[in-house]
N, C-alpha and C. Protein backbone atom coordinates (compact mmCIF):
# COMPACT_ATOMS: atom_id res chain seq x y z
N UNK A 1 -8.34 -17.53 -11.07
CA UNK A 1 -7.89 -16.20 -10.69
C UNK A 1 -6.90 -16.28 -9.52
N UNK A 2 -7.18 -17.16 -8.55
CA UNK A 2 -6.31 -17.28 -7.39
C UNK A 2 -4.94 -17.83 -7.80
N UNK A 3 -4.92 -18.79 -8.76
CA UNK A 3 -3.65 -19.32 -9.24
C UNK A 3 -2.82 -18.20 -9.85
N UNK A 4 -3.47 -17.32 -10.62
CA UNK A 4 -2.80 -16.21 -11.25
C UNK A 4 -2.15 -15.31 -10.20
N UNK A 5 -2.90 -15.02 -9.12
CA UNK A 5 -2.37 -14.18 -8.04
C UNK A 5 -1.20 -14.83 -7.34
N UNK A 6 -1.29 -16.14 -7.13
CA UNK A 6 -0.19 -16.86 -6.48
C UNK A 6 1.05 -16.78 -7.35
N UNK A 7 0.88 -16.97 -8.66
CA UNK A 7 2.01 -16.90 -9.59
C UNK A 7 2.66 -15.52 -9.55
N UNK A 8 1.83 -14.48 -9.62
CA UNK A 8 2.35 -13.10 -9.59
C UNK A 8 3.08 -12.85 -8.28
N UNK A 9 2.48 -13.27 -7.17
CA UNK A 9 3.11 -13.08 -5.86
C UNK A 9 4.45 -13.76 -5.78
N UNK A 10 4.51 -15.01 -6.24
CA UNK A 10 5.77 -15.76 -6.19
C UNK A 10 6.82 -15.10 -7.08
N UNK A 11 6.41 -14.64 -8.26
CA UNK A 11 7.35 -14.00 -9.17
C UNK A 11 7.89 -12.70 -8.57
N UNK A 12 7.01 -11.92 -7.96
CA UNK A 12 7.45 -10.66 -7.37
C UNK A 12 8.36 -10.89 -6.18
N UNK A 13 8.05 -11.89 -5.37
CA UNK A 13 8.94 -12.20 -4.25
C UNK A 13 10.31 -12.59 -4.78
N UNK A 14 10.35 -13.37 -5.85
CA UNK A 14 11.62 -13.76 -6.45
C UNK A 14 12.40 -12.56 -6.93
N UNK A 15 11.71 -11.62 -7.57
CA UNK A 15 12.39 -10.39 -8.03
C UNK A 15 12.91 -9.58 -6.86
N UNK A 16 12.10 -9.46 -5.81
CA UNK A 16 12.53 -8.70 -4.64
C UNK A 16 13.75 -9.33 -4.00
N UNK A 17 13.75 -10.66 -3.89
CA UNK A 17 14.87 -11.34 -3.24
C UNK A 17 16.13 -11.31 -4.10
N UNK A 18 15.98 -11.23 -5.41
CA UNK A 18 17.13 -11.25 -6.31
C UNK A 18 17.93 -9.95 -6.23
N UNK A 19 17.27 -8.87 -5.83
CA UNK A 19 17.97 -7.59 -5.74
C UNK A 19 18.87 -7.56 -4.52
N UNK A 20 20.06 -7.05 -4.69
CA UNK A 20 21.00 -6.97 -3.57
C UNK A 20 20.57 -5.87 -2.61
N UNK A 21 20.94 -6.03 -1.35
CA UNK A 21 20.62 -4.98 -0.38
C UNK A 21 21.85 -4.70 0.48
N UNK A 22 21.95 -3.45 0.91
CA UNK A 22 23.08 -3.05 1.76
C UNK A 22 22.81 -3.46 3.19
N UNK A 23 23.88 -3.81 3.91
CA UNK A 23 23.75 -4.18 5.32
C UNK A 23 23.61 -2.90 6.14
N UNK A 24 22.78 -2.99 7.17
CA UNK A 24 22.60 -1.88 8.10
C UNK A 24 22.95 -2.40 9.49
N UNK A 25 23.26 -1.47 10.38
CA UNK A 25 23.58 -1.89 11.73
C UNK A 25 22.33 -2.39 12.44
N UNK A 26 22.53 -3.20 13.45
CA UNK A 26 21.42 -3.76 14.22
C UNK A 26 20.62 -2.63 14.85
N UNK A 27 19.32 -2.88 15.02
CA UNK A 27 18.41 -1.86 15.54
C UNK A 27 18.73 -1.52 16.99
N UNK A 28 19.00 -0.25 17.28
CA UNK A 28 19.23 0.17 18.66
C UNK A 28 17.88 0.36 19.36
N UNK A 29 17.93 0.67 20.64
CA UNK A 29 16.71 1.06 21.33
C UNK A 29 16.24 2.34 20.67
N UNK A 30 15.00 2.40 20.31
CA UNK A 30 14.48 3.52 19.55
C UNK A 30 13.49 4.28 20.42
N UNK A 31 13.61 5.59 20.44
CA UNK A 31 12.70 6.39 21.25
C UNK A 31 11.53 6.95 20.44
N UNK A 32 11.62 6.94 19.13
CA UNK A 32 10.57 7.52 18.31
C UNK A 32 10.29 6.67 17.08
N UNK A 33 9.05 6.71 16.65
CA UNK A 33 8.67 6.04 15.41
C UNK A 33 9.13 6.87 14.20
N UNK A 34 9.41 8.13 14.42
CA UNK A 34 9.64 9.07 13.33
C UNK A 34 11.11 9.47 13.18
N UNK A 35 11.46 9.76 11.93
CA UNK A 35 12.76 10.35 11.61
C UNK A 35 12.47 11.71 11.00
N UNK A 36 13.49 12.41 10.58
CA UNK A 36 13.28 13.71 9.94
C UNK A 36 12.52 13.58 8.62
N UNK A 37 12.70 12.47 7.93
CA UNK A 37 12.09 12.32 6.60
C UNK A 37 11.08 11.19 6.49
N UNK A 38 10.87 10.42 7.55
CA UNK A 38 9.95 9.30 7.44
C UNK A 38 9.69 8.63 8.76
N UNK A 39 9.65 7.31 8.72
CA UNK A 39 9.42 6.50 9.91
C UNK A 39 10.55 5.48 10.04
N UNK A 40 10.62 4.84 11.20
CA UNK A 40 11.58 3.77 11.40
C UNK A 40 10.84 2.44 11.39
N UNK A 41 11.45 1.44 10.78
CA UNK A 41 10.88 0.10 10.72
C UNK A 41 11.94 -0.89 11.14
N UNK A 42 11.60 -1.77 12.07
CA UNK A 42 12.49 -2.85 12.46
C UNK A 42 12.01 -4.09 11.73
N UNK A 43 12.85 -4.62 10.85
CA UNK A 43 12.49 -5.81 10.08
C UNK A 43 12.53 -7.03 10.99
N UNK A 44 11.43 -7.78 10.98
CA UNK A 44 11.36 -9.03 11.74
C UNK A 44 11.50 -10.24 10.82
N UNK A 45 10.88 -10.18 9.65
CA UNK A 45 10.91 -11.27 8.68
C UNK A 45 11.27 -10.69 7.32
N UNK A 46 12.40 -11.10 6.75
CA UNK A 46 12.81 -10.60 5.44
C UNK A 46 11.82 -11.02 4.34
N UNK A 47 11.81 -10.27 3.26
CA UNK A 47 11.00 -10.65 2.10
C UNK A 47 11.34 -12.09 1.73
N UNK A 48 10.32 -12.87 1.47
CA UNK A 48 10.50 -14.27 1.10
C UNK A 48 10.43 -15.23 2.27
N UNK A 49 10.40 -14.70 3.50
CA UNK A 49 10.33 -15.56 4.69
C UNK A 49 8.88 -15.97 4.95
N UNK A 50 8.73 -17.03 5.73
CA UNK A 50 7.42 -17.45 6.21
C UNK A 50 7.27 -16.93 7.63
N UNK A 51 6.41 -15.90 7.85
CA UNK A 51 6.39 -15.23 9.14
C UNK A 51 5.78 -15.99 10.31
N UNK A 52 5.10 -17.08 10.06
CA UNK A 52 4.60 -17.89 11.18
C UNK A 52 4.24 -19.28 10.67
N UNK A 53 4.15 -20.20 11.60
CA UNK A 53 3.80 -21.58 11.25
C UNK A 53 2.45 -21.62 10.55
N UNK A 54 2.34 -22.44 9.55
CA UNK A 54 1.09 -22.58 8.82
C UNK A 54 0.96 -21.64 7.64
N UNK A 55 1.86 -20.70 7.51
CA UNK A 55 1.83 -19.77 6.38
C UNK A 55 2.58 -20.42 5.23
N UNK A 56 1.88 -20.61 4.11
CA UNK A 56 2.47 -21.32 2.97
C UNK A 56 3.10 -20.39 1.95
N UNK A 57 2.69 -19.13 1.92
CA UNK A 57 3.23 -18.17 0.95
C UNK A 57 4.31 -17.34 1.63
N UNK A 58 5.43 -17.13 0.96
CA UNK A 58 6.45 -16.24 1.53
C UNK A 58 5.98 -14.78 1.50
N UNK A 59 6.47 -14.01 2.43
CA UNK A 59 6.11 -12.60 2.53
C UNK A 59 6.55 -11.84 1.28
N UNK A 60 5.67 -10.98 0.72
CA UNK A 60 6.02 -10.22 -0.49
C UNK A 60 6.82 -8.96 -0.20
N UNK A 61 7.29 -8.81 1.00
CA UNK A 61 8.11 -7.68 1.42
C UNK A 61 8.67 -8.02 2.78
N UNK A 62 9.35 -7.08 3.37
CA UNK A 62 9.96 -7.26 4.69
C UNK A 62 8.93 -6.91 5.75
N UNK A 63 8.53 -7.88 6.52
CA UNK A 63 7.51 -7.67 7.54
C UNK A 63 8.18 -7.26 8.83
N UNK A 64 7.71 -6.17 9.39
CA UNK A 64 8.32 -5.69 10.62
C UNK A 64 7.36 -4.86 11.43
N UNK A 65 7.91 -4.04 12.30
CA UNK A 65 7.09 -3.20 13.16
C UNK A 65 7.66 -1.80 13.21
N UNK A 66 6.80 -0.88 13.57
CA UNK A 66 7.21 0.51 13.75
C UNK A 66 7.37 0.71 15.25
N UNK A 67 8.61 0.95 15.71
CA UNK A 67 8.84 1.07 17.15
C UNK A 67 8.13 2.29 17.73
N UNK A 68 7.91 2.23 19.03
CA UNK A 68 7.28 3.33 19.77
C UNK A 68 5.87 3.63 19.27
N UNK A 69 5.18 2.59 18.81
CA UNK A 69 3.77 2.71 18.42
C UNK A 69 3.00 1.62 19.15
N UNK A 70 1.71 1.84 19.29
CA UNK A 70 0.83 0.84 19.87
C UNK A 70 -0.48 0.86 19.10
N UNK A 71 -0.76 -0.25 18.42
CA UNK A 71 -2.02 -0.39 17.69
C UNK A 71 -3.16 -0.60 18.68
N UNK A 72 -4.39 -0.66 18.19
CA UNK A 72 -5.56 -0.85 19.05
C UNK A 72 -5.46 -2.10 19.91
N UNK A 73 -4.80 -3.12 19.40
CA UNK A 73 -4.69 -4.39 20.15
C UNK A 73 -3.53 -4.37 21.15
N UNK A 74 -2.82 -3.24 21.26
CA UNK A 74 -1.73 -3.12 22.21
C UNK A 74 -0.36 -3.50 21.67
N UNK A 75 -0.31 -4.05 20.48
CA UNK A 75 0.95 -4.45 19.85
C UNK A 75 1.52 -3.29 19.03
N UNK A 76 2.83 -3.32 18.74
CA UNK A 76 3.39 -2.30 17.84
C UNK A 76 2.73 -2.38 16.46
N UNK A 77 2.68 -1.27 15.79
CA UNK A 77 2.07 -1.20 14.46
C UNK A 77 2.90 -2.01 13.47
N UNK A 78 2.24 -2.83 12.69
CA UNK A 78 2.89 -3.68 11.69
C UNK A 78 3.20 -2.87 10.44
N UNK A 79 4.32 -3.20 9.79
CA UNK A 79 4.69 -2.54 8.54
C UNK A 79 5.24 -3.56 7.55
N UNK A 80 4.84 -3.45 6.31
CA UNK A 80 5.40 -4.25 5.22
C UNK A 80 6.26 -3.32 4.39
N UNK A 81 7.57 -3.52 4.47
CA UNK A 81 8.54 -2.69 3.75
C UNK A 81 8.80 -3.35 2.40
N UNK A 82 8.35 -2.72 1.33
CA UNK A 82 8.39 -3.30 -0.01
C UNK A 82 9.74 -3.02 -0.66
N UNK A 83 10.60 -4.04 -0.65
CA UNK A 83 11.91 -3.98 -1.30
C UNK A 83 12.53 -5.36 -1.20
N UNK A 84 13.76 -5.48 -1.63
CA UNK A 84 14.47 -6.75 -1.57
C UNK A 84 14.61 -7.19 -0.11
N UNK A 85 14.90 -8.45 0.08
CA UNK A 85 15.05 -9.00 1.43
C UNK A 85 16.10 -8.23 2.22
N UNK A 86 15.72 -7.80 3.41
CA UNK A 86 16.60 -7.06 4.30
C UNK A 86 16.91 -7.92 5.52
N UNK A 87 17.90 -7.52 6.24
CA UNK A 87 18.34 -8.27 7.42
C UNK A 87 17.36 -8.17 8.57
N UNK A 88 17.00 -9.30 9.14
CA UNK A 88 16.11 -9.36 10.29
C UNK A 88 16.76 -8.67 11.49
N UNK A 89 15.95 -7.96 12.27
CA UNK A 89 16.47 -7.28 13.45
C UNK A 89 17.14 -5.96 13.15
N UNK A 90 17.02 -5.49 11.94
CA UNK A 90 17.71 -4.28 11.51
C UNK A 90 16.71 -3.13 11.34
N UNK A 91 17.16 -1.94 11.63
CA UNK A 91 16.34 -0.74 11.56
C UNK A 91 16.53 -0.05 10.21
N UNK A 92 15.43 0.31 9.57
CA UNK A 92 15.46 1.01 8.29
C UNK A 92 14.53 2.21 8.35
N UNK A 93 14.89 3.23 7.60
CA UNK A 93 14.05 4.41 7.46
C UNK A 93 13.15 4.20 6.25
N UNK A 94 11.87 4.53 6.41
CA UNK A 94 10.91 4.27 5.34
C UNK A 94 9.90 5.41 5.21
N UNK A 95 9.20 5.39 4.07
CA UNK A 95 8.13 6.33 3.79
C UNK A 95 6.83 5.55 3.60
N UNK A 96 5.81 5.83 4.38
CA UNK A 96 4.52 5.14 4.20
C UNK A 96 3.89 5.51 2.86
N UNK A 97 3.39 4.50 2.15
CA UNK A 97 2.71 4.77 0.88
C UNK A 97 1.25 4.32 0.90
N UNK A 98 0.87 3.51 1.88
CA UNK A 98 -0.50 3.02 1.96
C UNK A 98 -0.70 2.32 3.30
N UNK A 99 -1.92 1.90 3.53
CA UNK A 99 -2.25 1.09 4.70
C UNK A 99 -3.32 0.09 4.28
N UNK A 100 -3.33 -1.05 4.94
CA UNK A 100 -4.41 -2.03 4.74
C UNK A 100 -5.05 -2.27 6.10
N UNK A 101 -6.35 -2.60 6.06
CA UNK A 101 -7.08 -2.78 7.31
C UNK A 101 -7.89 -4.05 7.29
N UNK A 102 -8.05 -4.61 8.49
CA UNK A 102 -8.92 -5.76 8.69
C UNK A 102 -9.46 -5.68 10.11
N UNK A 103 -10.50 -6.45 10.36
CA UNK A 103 -11.09 -6.49 11.68
C UNK A 103 -11.02 -7.91 12.21
N UNK A 104 -10.65 -8.03 13.48
CA UNK A 104 -10.58 -9.34 14.10
C UNK A 104 -10.77 -9.19 15.60
N UNK A 105 -11.60 -10.04 16.16
CA UNK A 105 -11.86 -10.05 17.60
C UNK A 105 -12.24 -8.67 18.12
N UNK A 106 -13.06 -7.96 17.37
CA UNK A 106 -13.55 -6.66 17.80
C UNK A 106 -12.58 -5.52 17.66
N UNK A 107 -11.38 -5.77 17.13
CA UNK A 107 -10.38 -4.72 16.97
C UNK A 107 -10.16 -4.41 15.49
N UNK A 108 -9.98 -3.13 15.20
CA UNK A 108 -9.55 -2.71 13.87
C UNK A 108 -8.04 -2.85 13.83
N UNK A 109 -7.52 -3.53 12.83
CA UNK A 109 -6.08 -3.72 12.67
C UNK A 109 -5.63 -3.01 11.40
N UNK A 110 -4.47 -2.44 11.46
CA UNK A 110 -3.90 -1.73 10.32
C UNK A 110 -2.45 -2.16 10.14
N UNK A 111 -2.05 -2.38 8.92
CA UNK A 111 -0.64 -2.60 8.58
C UNK A 111 -0.25 -1.49 7.60
N UNK A 112 0.88 -0.92 7.83
CA UNK A 112 1.41 0.15 6.97
C UNK A 112 2.23 -0.49 5.86
N UNK A 113 2.05 -0.01 4.65
CA UNK A 113 2.85 -0.43 3.50
C UNK A 113 3.81 0.72 3.23
N UNK A 114 5.11 0.42 3.16
CA UNK A 114 6.10 1.49 3.06
C UNK A 114 7.21 1.13 2.07
N UNK A 115 7.92 2.16 1.65
CA UNK A 115 9.09 2.04 0.78
C UNK A 115 10.30 2.56 1.55
N UNK A 116 11.48 1.96 1.33
CA UNK A 116 12.68 2.49 2.00
C UNK A 116 13.00 3.91 1.53
N UNK A 117 13.46 4.74 2.44
CA UNK A 117 13.91 6.08 2.06
C UNK A 117 15.17 5.97 1.21
N UNK A 118 16.04 5.03 1.56
CA UNK A 118 17.27 4.80 0.80
C UNK A 118 16.90 4.24 -0.58
N UNK A 119 17.04 5.06 -1.61
CA UNK A 119 16.62 4.64 -2.95
C UNK A 119 17.44 3.48 -3.50
N UNK A 120 18.64 3.25 -2.96
CA UNK A 120 19.43 2.10 -3.42
C UNK A 120 18.81 0.77 -2.99
N UNK A 121 17.93 0.81 -2.02
CA UNK A 121 17.25 -0.41 -1.57
C UNK A 121 15.95 -0.68 -2.33
N UNK A 122 15.49 0.30 -3.07
CA UNK A 122 14.20 0.16 -3.76
C UNK A 122 14.33 -0.70 -5.01
N UNK A 123 13.33 -1.52 -5.23
CA UNK A 123 13.26 -2.31 -6.45
C UNK A 123 12.22 -1.72 -7.41
N UNK A 124 11.38 -0.83 -6.89
CA UNK A 124 10.41 -0.09 -7.69
C UNK A 124 10.35 1.33 -7.16
N UNK A 125 9.87 2.25 -7.97
CA UNK A 125 9.73 3.64 -7.54
C UNK A 125 8.25 3.95 -7.32
N UNK A 126 7.86 3.99 -6.07
CA UNK A 126 6.49 4.30 -5.69
C UNK A 126 6.55 5.33 -4.57
N UNK A 127 5.79 6.40 -4.72
CA UNK A 127 5.79 7.46 -3.72
C UNK A 127 4.51 7.54 -2.92
N UNK A 128 3.42 6.96 -3.44
CA UNK A 128 2.13 7.06 -2.76
C UNK A 128 1.20 5.95 -3.25
N UNK A 129 0.01 5.90 -2.67
CA UNK A 129 -0.93 4.83 -3.01
C UNK A 129 -1.37 4.90 -4.48
N UNK A 130 -1.58 6.09 -4.99
CA UNK A 130 -2.01 6.23 -6.38
C UNK A 130 -0.97 5.66 -7.33
N UNK A 131 0.31 5.96 -7.11
CA UNK A 131 1.35 5.42 -8.00
C UNK A 131 1.47 3.90 -7.85
N UNK A 132 1.26 3.38 -6.64
CA UNK A 132 1.23 1.92 -6.47
C UNK A 132 0.09 1.33 -7.28
N UNK A 133 -1.07 1.93 -7.18
CA UNK A 133 -2.27 1.42 -7.88
C UNK A 133 -2.13 1.56 -9.40
N UNK A 134 -1.59 2.67 -9.85
CA UNK A 134 -1.52 2.93 -11.29
C UNK A 134 -0.37 2.19 -11.97
N UNK A 135 0.80 2.14 -11.34
CA UNK A 135 1.98 1.57 -11.99
C UNK A 135 2.27 0.12 -11.61
N UNK A 136 1.84 -0.28 -10.42
CA UNK A 136 2.18 -1.62 -9.92
C UNK A 136 0.97 -2.30 -9.30
N UNK A 137 -0.15 -2.27 -10.02
CA UNK A 137 -1.36 -2.85 -9.46
C UNK A 137 -1.25 -4.36 -9.24
N UNK A 138 -0.45 -5.05 -10.04
CA UNK A 138 -0.25 -6.49 -9.82
C UNK A 138 0.46 -6.71 -8.48
N UNK A 139 1.42 -5.86 -8.13
CA UNK A 139 2.08 -5.95 -6.84
C UNK A 139 1.10 -5.65 -5.72
N UNK A 140 0.31 -4.60 -5.88
CA UNK A 140 -0.71 -4.25 -4.87
C UNK A 140 -1.65 -5.43 -4.67
N UNK A 141 -2.08 -6.01 -5.75
CA UNK A 141 -2.98 -7.16 -5.69
C UNK A 141 -2.30 -8.36 -5.01
N UNK A 142 -1.04 -8.58 -5.30
CA UNK A 142 -0.30 -9.68 -4.67
C UNK A 142 -0.15 -9.47 -3.17
N UNK A 143 0.12 -8.23 -2.76
CA UNK A 143 0.21 -7.92 -1.34
C UNK A 143 -1.14 -8.21 -0.67
N UNK A 144 -2.20 -7.76 -1.30
CA UNK A 144 -3.53 -8.00 -0.75
C UNK A 144 -3.84 -9.49 -0.65
N UNK A 145 -3.57 -10.23 -1.69
CA UNK A 145 -3.83 -11.67 -1.65
C UNK A 145 -2.99 -12.36 -0.59
N UNK A 146 -1.73 -11.98 -0.46
CA UNK A 146 -0.89 -12.58 0.57
C UNK A 146 -1.46 -12.29 1.95
N UNK A 147 -1.83 -11.04 2.18
CA UNK A 147 -2.36 -10.69 3.50
C UNK A 147 -3.68 -11.41 3.78
N UNK A 148 -4.57 -11.42 2.80
CA UNK A 148 -5.89 -12.02 3.01
C UNK A 148 -5.85 -13.53 3.17
N UNK A 149 -5.05 -14.19 2.35
CA UNK A 149 -5.12 -15.65 2.30
C UNK A 149 -3.96 -16.38 2.96
N UNK A 150 -2.88 -15.68 3.27
CA UNK A 150 -1.73 -16.35 3.86
C UNK A 150 -1.38 -15.82 5.25
N UNK A 151 -1.49 -14.53 5.45
CA UNK A 151 -1.01 -13.95 6.70
C UNK A 151 -2.11 -13.80 7.74
N UNK A 152 -3.29 -13.33 7.32
CA UNK A 152 -4.37 -13.12 8.28
C UNK A 152 -5.01 -14.43 8.70
N UNK A 153 -5.47 -14.48 9.92
CA UNK A 153 -6.16 -15.66 10.40
C UNK A 153 -7.53 -15.76 9.72
N UNK A 154 -8.09 -16.97 9.59
CA UNK A 154 -9.36 -17.15 8.87
C UNK A 154 -10.51 -16.30 9.42
N UNK A 155 -10.52 -16.01 10.71
CA UNK A 155 -11.63 -15.25 11.28
C UNK A 155 -11.52 -13.74 11.03
N UNK A 156 -10.43 -13.29 10.43
CA UNK A 156 -10.27 -11.86 10.13
C UNK A 156 -11.17 -11.46 8.97
N UNK A 157 -11.71 -10.25 9.06
CA UNK A 157 -12.55 -9.70 7.99
C UNK A 157 -11.77 -8.57 7.31
N UNK A 158 -11.46 -8.78 6.03
CA UNK A 158 -10.70 -7.81 5.24
C UNK A 158 -11.53 -6.55 5.03
N UNK A 159 -10.94 -5.37 5.29
CA UNK A 159 -11.65 -4.11 5.10
C UNK A 159 -11.13 -3.31 3.92
N UNK A 160 -9.87 -3.49 3.53
CA UNK A 160 -9.38 -2.83 2.33
C UNK A 160 -8.19 -1.92 2.52
N UNK A 161 -7.95 -1.13 1.49
CA UNK A 161 -6.78 -0.25 1.38
C UNK A 161 -7.12 1.17 1.78
N UNK A 162 -6.10 1.86 2.29
CA UNK A 162 -6.17 3.29 2.57
C UNK A 162 -4.93 3.94 1.96
N UNK A 163 -4.99 5.24 1.73
CA UNK A 163 -3.86 5.93 1.10
C UNK A 163 -2.80 6.32 2.12
N UNK A 164 -1.75 6.99 1.63
CA UNK A 164 -0.62 7.36 2.47
C UNK A 164 -0.99 8.40 3.54
N UNK A 165 -1.98 9.24 3.27
CA UNK A 165 -2.41 10.22 4.27
C UNK A 165 -2.98 9.48 5.48
N UNK A 166 -3.82 8.51 5.23
CA UNK A 166 -4.37 7.70 6.31
C UNK A 166 -3.24 6.95 7.05
N UNK A 167 -2.28 6.41 6.29
CA UNK A 167 -1.16 5.68 6.90
C UNK A 167 -0.42 6.57 7.89
N UNK A 168 -0.09 7.81 7.47
CA UNK A 168 0.60 8.74 8.36
C UNK A 168 -0.25 9.02 9.60
N UNK A 169 -1.56 9.26 9.41
CA UNK A 169 -2.45 9.53 10.53
C UNK A 169 -2.47 8.37 11.51
N UNK A 170 -2.50 7.14 11.00
CA UNK A 170 -2.53 5.96 11.86
C UNK A 170 -1.22 5.81 12.63
N UNK A 171 -0.11 6.12 12.01
CA UNK A 171 1.17 6.05 12.71
C UNK A 171 1.19 7.08 13.85
N UNK A 172 0.71 8.27 13.58
CA UNK A 172 0.66 9.31 14.63
C UNK A 172 -0.29 8.88 15.76
N UNK A 173 -1.45 8.33 15.42
CA UNK A 173 -2.38 7.83 16.46
C UNK A 173 -1.72 6.76 17.31
N UNK A 174 -1.04 5.84 16.65
CA UNK A 174 -0.38 4.73 17.35
C UNK A 174 0.78 5.22 18.21
N UNK A 175 1.48 6.24 17.76
CA UNK A 175 2.58 6.81 18.56
C UNK A 175 2.01 7.51 19.80
N UNK A 176 0.87 8.20 19.66
CA UNK A 176 0.24 8.82 20.83
C UNK A 176 -0.24 7.75 21.82
N UNK A 177 -0.81 6.66 21.31
CA UNK A 177 -1.24 5.55 22.18
C UNK A 177 -0.06 5.01 22.97
N UNK A 178 1.08 4.89 22.31
CA UNK A 178 2.30 4.37 22.95
C UNK A 178 2.72 5.28 24.10
N UNK A 179 2.59 6.59 23.92
CA UNK A 179 3.03 7.54 24.93
C UNK A 179 2.10 7.61 26.14
N UNK A 180 0.88 7.12 26.00
CA UNK A 180 -0.10 7.18 27.10
C UNK A 180 0.15 6.13 28.14
């Protein structure tokens, strides 16, 4: 079963990387996590990159952070932007579609799963967690496997998926934490 997931993950990463993406200007200093239609995400690691030493699987999306947020551990909220490889250090507007959670060292951790607002950057059409689960469950499963077995540290305890409503609530909570 794990081999099957690895194969699906690698195939999806290849598809994501094969799609062309438009260049965006470098991320300016950002005062808000929010835009009129979504959130802002600063890409740190493009889809297909290895986000840290010891990680053997490439990222199944663009791993970044949501500026002007603070998670429970004091770090900016993590976001996985699901689309073709984007430029590192670049700011993109996105729509949250889900969240994943794990616990480590007494802290609840959340990563937001999002789609670009710019439809020309999208490789799939997903608007919410239900459509991800119903239409692209292999992708959802690949994201989960990558996070559980490649990105999270061994001592992390996987807690599962949450829908887009929870994702929005967590972004708002993290933005309030940042302002305190």
